[in-house]
PDB file of N, CA and C in Angstrom:
ATOM      1  N   LEU A   1       0.809  -1.201   0.020  1.00  0.00           N
ATOM      2  CA  LEU A   1       0.010  -0.007  -0.005  1.00  0.00           C
ATOM      3  C   LEU A   1       0.932   1.260   0.032  1.00  0.00           C
ATOM      4  N   ALA A   2       1.927   1.175   0.849  1.00  0.00           N
ATOM      5  CA  ALA A   2       2.840   2.334   0.835  1.00  0.00           C
ATOM      6  C   ALA A   2       3.484   2.658  -0.484  1.00  0.00           C
ATOM      7  N   GLN A   3       3.808   1.530  -1.252  1.00  0.00           N
ATOM      8  CA  GLN A   3       4.411   1.687  -2.524  1.00  0.00           C
ATOM      9  C   GLN A   3       3.520   2.294  -3.586  1.00  0.00           C
ATOM     10  N   ILE A   4       2.235   1.870  -3.480  1.00  0.00           N
ATOM     11  CA  ILE A   4       1.169   2.427  -4.365  1.00  0.00           C
ATOM     12  C   ILE A   4       1.002   3.893  -4.080  1.00  0.00           C
ATOM     13  N   GLN A   5       0.853   4.307  -2.869  1.00  0.00           N
ATOM     14  CA  GLN A   5       0.618   5.621  -2.454  1.00  0.00           C
ATOM     15  C   GLN A   5       1.815   6.496  -2.883  1.00  0.00           C
ATOM     16  N   GLN A   6       3.017   6.087  -2.664  1.00  0.00           N
ATOM     17  CA  GLN A   6       4.186   6.724  -3.019  1.00  0.00           C
ATOM     18  C   GLN A   6       4.329   7.005  -4.549  1.00  0.00           C
ATOM     19  N   PHE A   7       4.041   5.973  -5.256  1.00  0.00           N
ATOM     20  CA  PHE A   7       4.030   6.046  -6.751  1.00  0.00           C
ATOM     21  C   PHE A   7       2.943   7.114  -7.163  1.00  0.00           C
ATOM     22  N   ARG A   8       1.775   6.948  -6.641  1.00  0.00           N
ATOM     23  CA  ARG A   8       0.701   7.917  -7.005  1.00  0.00           C
ATOM     24  C   ARG A   8       1.037   9.354  -6.723  1.00  0.00           C
ATOM     25  N   ALA A   9       1.657   9.626  -5.570  1.00  0.00           N
ATOM     26  CA  ALA A   9       2.143  10.968  -5.206  1.00  0.00           C
ATOM     27  C   ALA A   9       3.211  11.560  -6.203  1.00  0.00           C
ATOM     28  N   LEU A  10       4.085  10.665  -6.640  1.00  0.00           N
ATOM     29  CA  LEU A  10       5.102  11.111  -7.585  1.00  0.00           C
ATOM     30  C   LEU A  10       4.617  11.252  -8.948  1.00  0.00           C
ATOM     31  N   HIS A  11       3.737  10.365  -9.415  1.00  0.00           N
ATOM     32  CA  HIS A  11       3.377  10.407 -10.857  1.00  0.00           C
ATOM     33  C   HIS A  11       1.927  10.757 -11.146  1.00  0.00           C
ATOM     34  N   ARG A  12       1.155  11.091 -10.062  1.00  0.00           N
ATOM     35  CA  ARG A  12      -0.205  11.456 -10.145  1.00  0.00           C
ATOM     36  C   ARG A  12      -1.148  10.471 -10.887  1.00  0.00           C
ATOM     37  N   ARG A  13      -0.810   9.209 -10.781  1.00  0.00           N
ATOM     38  CA  ARG A  13      -1.596   8.120 -11.244  1.00  0.00           C
ATOM     39  C   ARG A  13      -1.188   6.876 -10.509  1.00  0.00           C
ATOM     40  N   PHE A  14      -2.035   5.836 -10.692  1.00  0.00           N
ATOM     41  CA  PHE A  14      -1.763   4.574 -10.026  1.00  0.00           C
ATOM     42  C   PHE A  14      -0.779   3.763 -10.922  1.00  0.00           C
ATOM     43  N   PRO A  15       0.068   2.964 -10.274  1.00  0.00           N
ATOM     44  CA  PRO A  15       0.985   2.200 -11.074  1.00  0.00           C
ATOM     45  C   PRO A  15       0.383   1.053 -11.718  1.00  0.00           C
ATOM     46  N   SER A  16       1.006   0.647 -12.967  1.00  0.00           N
ATOM     47  CA  SER A  16       0.590  -0.612 -13.501  1.00  0.00           C
ATOM     48  C   SER A  16       1.065  -1.708 -12.640  1.00  0.00           C
ATOM     49  N   ARG A  17       0.649  -2.906 -12.981  1.00  0.00           N
ATOM     50  CA  ARG A  17       1.215  -4.072 -12.262  1.00  0.00           C
ATOM     51  C   ARG A  17       2.690  -4.243 -12.475  1.00  0.00           C
ATOM     52  N   GLN A  18       3.127  -4.009 -13.647  1.00  0.00           N
ATOM     53  CA  GLN A  18       4.540  -4.079 -14.046  1.00  0.00           C
ATOM     54  C   GLN A  18       5.267  -3.031 -13.263  1.00  0.00           C
ATOM     55  N   GLU A  19       4.812  -1.858 -13.206  1.00  0.00           N
ATOM     56  CA  GLU A  19       5.551  -0.796 -12.497  1.00  0.00           C
ATOM     57  C   GLU A  19       5.617  -1.006 -10.984  1.00  0.00           C
ATOM     58  N   LEU A  20       4.607  -1.694 -10.460  1.00  0.00           N
ATOM     59  CA  LEU A  20       4.619  -1.957  -8.998  1.00  0.00           C
ATOM     60  C   LEU A  20       5.405  -3.166  -8.681  1.00  0.00           C
ATOM     61  N   PHE A  21       5.281  -4.190  -9.501  1.00  0.00           N
ATOM     62  CA  PHE A  21       6.021  -5.483  -9.099  1.00  0.00           C
ATOM     63  C   PHE A  21       7.294  -5.706  -9.978  1.00  0.00           C
ATOM     64  N   GLY A  22       7.536  -4.863 -11.081  1.00  0.00           N
ATOM     65  CA  GLY A  22       8.668  -5.026 -11.830  1.00  0.00           C
ATOM     66  C   GLY A  22       8.719  -6.176 -12.797  1.00  0.00           C
ATOM     67  N   ILE A  23       7.478  -6.684 -13.144  1.00  0.00           N
ATOM     68  CA  ILE A  23       7.378  -7.847 -14.090  1.00  0.00           C
ATOM     69  C   ILE A  23       6.198  -7.579 -15.001  1.00  0.00           C
ATOM     70  N   GLU A  24       6.059  -8.332 -15.954  1.00  0.00           N
ATOM     71  CA  GLU A  24       4.939  -8.243 -16.883  1.00  0.00           C
ATOM     72  C   GLU A  24       3.618  -8.705 -16.075  1.00  0.00           C
ATOM     73  N   SER A  25       2.519  -8.084 -16.325  1.00  0.00           N
ATOM     74  CA  SER A  25       1.351  -8.366 -15.619  1.00  0.00           C
ATOM     75  C   SER A  25       0.785  -9.763 -15.872  1.00  0.00           C
ATOM     76  N   ASP A  26       1.059 -10.288 -17.116  1.00  0.00           N
ATOM     77  CA  ASP A  26       0.509 -11.673 -17.362  1.00  0.00           C
ATOM     78  C   ASP A  26       1.570 -12.735 -17.227  1.00  0.00           C
ATOM     79  N   SER A  27       2.676 -12.383 -16.602  1.00  0.00           N
ATOM     80  CA  SER A  27       3.772 -13.289 -16.360  1.00  0.00           C
ATOM     81  C   SER A  27       3.322 -14.460 -15.457  1.00  0.00           C
ATOM     82  N   GLU A  28       3.815 -15.614 -15.769  1.00  0.00           N
ATOM     83  CA  GLU A  28       3.620 -16.775 -14.920  1.00  0.00           C
ATOM     84  C   GLU A  28       4.539 -16.758 -13.703  1.00  0.00           C
ATOM     85  N   LYS A  29       5.631 -15.888 -13.769  1.00  0.00           N
ATOM     86  CA  LYS A  29       6.603 -15.854 -12.779  1.00  0.00           C
ATOM     87  C   LYS A  29       6.032 -15.294 -11.476  1.00  0.00           C
ATOM     88  N   TRP A  30       5.155 -14.351 -11.591  1.00  0.00           N
ATOM     89  CA  TRP A  30       4.603 -13.704 -10.315  1.00  0.00           C
ATOM     90  C   TRP A  30       3.301 -14.419 -10.017  1.00  0.00           C
ATOM     91  N   ARG A  31       3.316 -15.164  -8.987  1.00  0.00           N
ATOM     92  CA  ARG A  31       2.155 -15.772  -8.390  1.00  0.00           C
ATOM     93  C   ARG A  31       2.064 -15.594  -6.956  1.00  0.00           C
ATOM     94  N   ASN A  32       1.023 -14.965  -6.543  1.00  0.00           N
ATOM     95  CA  ASN A  32       0.739 -14.726  -5.101  1.00  0.00           C
ATOM     96  C   ASN A  32      -0.732 -14.783  -5.016  1.00  0.00           C
ATOM     97  N   GLN A  33      -1.243 -15.939  -4.598  1.00  0.00           N
ATOM     98  CA  GLN A  33      -2.683 -16.198  -4.537  1.00  0.00           C
ATOM     99  C   GLN A  33      -3.385 -15.415  -3.523  1.00  0.00           C
ATOM    100  N   ARG A  34      -2.695 -14.790  -2.631  1.00  0.00           N
ATOM    101  CA  ARG A  34      -3.369 -13.995  -1.545  1.00  0.00           C
ATOM    102  C   ARG A  34      -3.390 -12.584  -1.820  1.00  0.00           C
ATOM    103  N   LEU A  35      -2.462 -12.015  -2.643  1.00  0.00           N
ATOM    104  CA  LEU A  35      -2.510 -10.571  -2.912  1.00  0.00           C
ATOM    105  C   LEU A  35      -3.237 -10.304  -4.168  1.00  0.00           C
ATOM    106  N   ILE A  36      -4.031  -9.175  -4.191  1.00  0.00           N
ATOM    107  CA  ILE A  36      -4.827  -8.820  -5.282  1.00  0.00           C
ATOM    108  C   ILE A  36      -4.512  -7.423  -5.724  1.00  0.00           C
ATOM    109  N   TYR A  37      -4.137  -7.271  -7.024  1.00  0.00           N
ATOM    110  CA  TYR A  37      -3.815  -5.961  -7.569  1.00  0.00           C
ATOM    111  C   TYR A  37      -4.333  -5.962  -9.063  1.00  0.00           C
ATOM    112  N   ILE A  38      -5.411  -5.255  -9.376  1.00  0.00           N
ATOM    113  CA  ILE A  38      -6.003  -5.227 -10.602  1.00  0.00           C
ATOM    114  C   ILE A  38      -6.255  -3.641 -10.984  1.00  0.00           C
ATOM    115  N   VAL A  39      -5.591  -3.330 -12.038  1.00  0.00           N
ATOM    116  CA  VAL A  39      -5.683  -1.917 -12.520  1.00  0.00           C
ATOM    117  C   VAL A  39      -6.729  -1.921 -13.680  1.00  0.00           C
ATOM    118  N   PRO A  40      -7.776  -1.031 -13.517  1.00  0.00           N
ATOM    119  CA  PRO A  40      -8.711  -0.863 -14.592  1.00  0.00           C
ATOM    120  C   PRO A  40      -8.152  -0.363 -15.917  1.00  0.00           C
ATOM    121  N   GLU A  41      -8.697  -0.766 -17.047  1.00  0.00           N
ATOM    122  CA  GLU A  41      -8.267  -0.283 -18.295  1.00  0.00           C
ATOM    123  C   GLU A  41      -8.248   1.269 -18.396  1.00  0.00           C
ATOM    124  N   GLY A  42      -9.145   1.888 -17.911  1.00  0.00           N
ATOM    125  CA  GLY A  42      -9.239   3.403 -18.074  1.00  0.00           C
ATOM    126  C   GLY A  42      -8.379   4.102 -17.091  1.00  0.00           C
ATOM    127  N   ARG A  43      -7.623   3.602 -16.375  1.00  0.00           N
ATOM    128  CA  ARG A  43      -6.641   3.927 -15.294  1.00  0.00           C
ATOM    129  C   ARG A  43      -6.763   5.192 -14.489  1.00  0.00           C
ATOM    130  N   PRO A  44      -7.716   6.185 -14.715  1.00  0.00           N
ATOM    131  CA  PRO A  44      -7.847   7.253 -13.717  1.00  0.00           C
ATOM    132  C   PRO A  44      -8.526   6.674 -12.487  1.00  0.00           C
ATOM    133  N   GLN A  45      -9.176   5.554 -12.637  1.00  0.00           N
ATOM    134  CA  GLN A  45      -9.879   4.896 -11.545  1.00  0.00           C
ATOM    135  C   GLN A  45      -8.910   4.204 -10.600  1.00  0.00           C
ATOM    136  N   ALA A  46      -9.296   4.113  -9.346  1.00  0.00           N
ATOM    137  CA  ALA A  46      -8.385   3.298  -8.393  1.00  0.00           C
ATOM    138  C   ALA A  46      -8.387   1.906  -8.772  1.00  0.00           C
ATOM    139  N   PRO A  47      -7.225   1.293  -8.434  1.00  0.00           N
ATOM    140  CA  PRO A  47      -7.127  -0.180  -8.729  1.00  0.00           C
ATOM    141  C   PRO A  47      -7.799  -0.977  -7.620  1.00  0.00           C
ATOM    142  N   LEU A  48      -8.035  -2.205  -7.864  1.00  0.00           N
ATOM    143  CA  LEU A  48      -8.504  -3.128  -6.861  1.00  0.00           C
ATOM    144  C   LEU A  48      -7.309  -3.662  -6.172  1.00  0.00           C
ATOM    145  N   PHE A  49      -7.155  -3.343  -4.882  1.00  0.00           N
ATOM    146  CA  PHE A  49      -6.002  -3.786  -4.202  1.00  0.00           C
ATOM    147  C   PHE A  49      -6.440  -4.387  -2.820  1.00  0.00           C
ATOM    148  N   GLY A  50      -5.926  -5.549  -2.524  1.00  0.00           N
ATOM    149  CA  GLY A  50      -6.261  -6.204  -1.276  1.00  0.00           C
ATOM    150  C   GLY A  50      -5.536  -7.464  -1.142  1.00  0.00           C
ATOM    151  N   TYR A  51      -6.124  -8.291  -0.134  1.00  0.00           N
ATOM    152  CA  TYR A  51      -5.532  -9.566   0.088  1.00  0.00           C
ATOM    153  C   TYR A  51      -6.644 -10.519   0.605  1.00  0.00           C
ATOM    154  N   ARG A  52      -6.392 -11.829   0.320  1.00  0.00           N
ATOM    155  CA  ARG A  52      -7.385 -12.790   0.725  1.00  0.00           C
ATOM    156  C   ARG A  52      -7.282 -13.147   2.197  1.00  0.00           C
ATOM    157  N   SER A  53      -8.446 -13.392   2.809  1.00  0.00           N
ATOM    158  CA  SER A  53      -8.532 -13.718   4.150  1.00  0.00           C
ATOM    159  C   SER A  53      -7.777 -15.030   4.466  1.00  0.00           C
ATOM    160  N   THR A  54      -7.065 -15.059   5.598  1.00  0.00           N
ATOM    161  CA  THR A  54      -6.329 -16.274   6.007  1.00  0.00           C
ATOM    162  C   THR A  54      -7.333 -17.276   6.626  1.00  0.00           C
ATOM    163  N   ARG A  55      -8.539 -16.960   6.944  1.00  0.00           N
ATOM    164  CA  ARG A  55      -9.477 -17.730   7.637  1.00  0.00           C
ATOM    165  C   ARG A  55     -10.471 -18.377   6.610  1.00  0.00           C
ATOM    166  N   ASN A  56     -10.787 -17.653   5.614  1.00  0.00           N
ATOM    167  CA  ASN A  56     -11.712 -18.119   4.647  1.00  0.00           C
ATOM    168  C   ASN A  56     -11.214 -17.784   3.200  1.00  0.00           C
ATOM    169  N   LEU A  57     -10.961 -18.773   2.397  1.00  0.00           N
ATOM    170  CA  LEU A  57     -10.404 -18.659   1.096  1.00  0.00           C
ATOM    171  C   LEU A  57     -11.230 -17.729   0.192  1.00  0.00           C
ATOM    172  N   PHE A  58     -12.486 -17.558   0.407  1.00  0.00           N
ATOM    173  CA  PHE A  58     -13.297 -16.741  -0.438  1.00  0.00           C
ATOM    174  C   PHE A  58     -13.511 -15.315  -0.055  1.00  0.00           C
ATOM    175  N   ASP A  59     -13.124 -15.000   1.174  1.00  0.00           N
ATOM    176  CA  ASP A  59     -13.274 -13.644   1.668  1.00  0.00           C
ATOM    177  C   ASP A  59     -11.997 -12.854   1.477  1.00  0.00           C
ATOM    178  N   SER A  60     -12.068 -11.530   1.373  1.00  0.00           N
ATOM    179  CA  SER A  60     -10.889 -10.709   1.184  1.00  0.00           C
ATOM    180  C   SER A  60     -11.060  -9.409   1.906  1.00  0.00           C
ATOM    181  N   TYR A  61      -9.953  -8.630   2.022  1.00  0.00           N
ATOM    182  CA  TYR A  61      -9.947  -7.331   2.527  1.00  0.00           C
ATOM    183  C   TYR A  61      -9.383  -6.486   1.410  1.00  0.00           C
ATOM    184  N   LEU A  62     -10.179  -5.411   1.093  1.00  0.00           N
ATOM    185  CA  LEU A  62      -9.851  -4.507  -0.003  1.00  0.00           C
ATOM    186  C   LEU A  62      -9.676  -3.151   0.493  1.00  0.00           C
ATOM    187  N   TYR A  63      -8.737  -2.397  -0.162  1.00  0.00           N
ATOM    188  CA  TYR A  63      -8.440  -1.030   0.327  1.00  0.00           C
ATOM    189  C   TYR A  63      -9.286  -0.150  -0.592  1.00  0.00           C
ATOM    190  N   ASP A  64      -9.977   0.783   0.152  1.00  0.00           N
ATOM    191  CA  ASP A  64     -10.774   1.808  -0.493  1.00  0.00           C
ATOM    192  C   ASP A  64      -9.952   3.094  -0.633  1.00  0.00           C
ATOM    193  N   PHE A  65      -9.478   3.364  -1.792  1.00  0.00           N
ATOM    194  CA  PHE A  65      -8.593   4.568  -1.963  1.00  0.00           C
ATOM    195  C   PHE A  65      -9.362   5.866  -1.835  1.00  0.00           C
ATOM    196  N   ASP A  66     -10.645   5.873  -2.003  1.00  0.00           N
ATOM    197  CA  ASP A  66     -11.394   7.083  -1.836  1.00  0.00           C
ATOM    198  C   ASP A  66     -11.541   7.472  -0.387  1.00  0.00           C
ATOM    199  N   ARG A  67     -11.715   6.397   0.504  1.00  0.00           N
ATOM    200  CA  ARG A  67     -11.891   6.642   1.915  1.00  0.00           C
ATOM    201  C   ARG A  67     -10.605   6.472   2.733  1.00  0.00           C
ATOM    202  N   ASN A  68      -9.601   5.909   2.099  1.00  0.00           N
ATOM    203  CA  ASN A  68      -8.286   5.635   2.764  1.00  0.00           C
ATOM    204  C   ASN A  68      -8.527   4.706   3.893  1.00  0.00           C
ATOM    205  N   ALA A  69      -9.219   3.531   3.553  1.00  0.00           N
ATOM    206  CA  ALA A  69      -9.499   2.626   4.696  1.00  0.00           C
ATOM    207  C   ALA A  69      -9.730   1.253   4.115  1.00  0.00           C
ATOM    208  N   TRP A  70      -9.425   0.252   4.885  1.00  0.00           N
ATOM    209  CA  TRP A  70      -9.648  -1.168   4.523  1.00  0.00           C
ATOM    210  C   TRP A  70     -11.074  -1.533   4.733  1.00  0.00           C
ATOM    211  N   ARG A  71     -11.590  -2.362   3.905  1.00  0.00           N
ATOM    212  CA  ARG A  71     -12.984  -2.872   4.100  1.00  0.00           C
ATOM    213  C   ARG A  71     -12.993  -4.417   3.849  1.00  0.00           C
ATOM    214  N   PHE A  72     -13.854  -5.102   4.644  1.00  0.00           N
ATOM    215  CA  PHE A  72     -13.921  -6.518   4.532  1.00  0.00           C
ATOM    216  C   PHE A  72     -14.954  -6.847   3.396  1.00  0.00           C
ATOM    217  N   ALA A  73     -14.608  -7.755   2.494  1.00  0.00           N
ATOM    218  CA  ALA A  73     -15.409  -8.169   1.366  1.00  0.00           C
ATOM    219  C   ALA A  73     -15.701  -9.631   1.488  1.00  0.00           C
ATOM    220  N   PRO A  74     -16.823  -9.946   2.144  1.00  0.00           N
ATOM    221  CA  PRO A  74     -17.148 -11.553   2.234  1.00  0.00           C
ATOM    222  C   PRO A  74     -17.675 -11.930   0.894  1.00  0.00           C
ATOM    223  N   ASP A  75     -17.483 -13.202   0.739  1.00  0.00           N
ATOM    224  CA  ASP A  75     -17.903 -13.882  -0.515  1.00  0.00           C
ATOM    225  C   ASP A  75     -19.430 -13.893  -0.563  1.00  0.00           C
TER     226      ASP A  75
END
């Protein structure tokens, strides 16, 4: 989250997945089943950023960039 916010402050936009992780977004090399980072095609919108719950595989915690707060997203 800190990296995303720092990039946004410097460049006035959200980073692509490649800019954030340093790899191609569709690369098979980067696999983290718990971390979520999806940038919309129209990119002025906030990305979907969060992580999967450790207690329930289908639940997640997502960051709301408009409110600057985490929210629980049950399945």
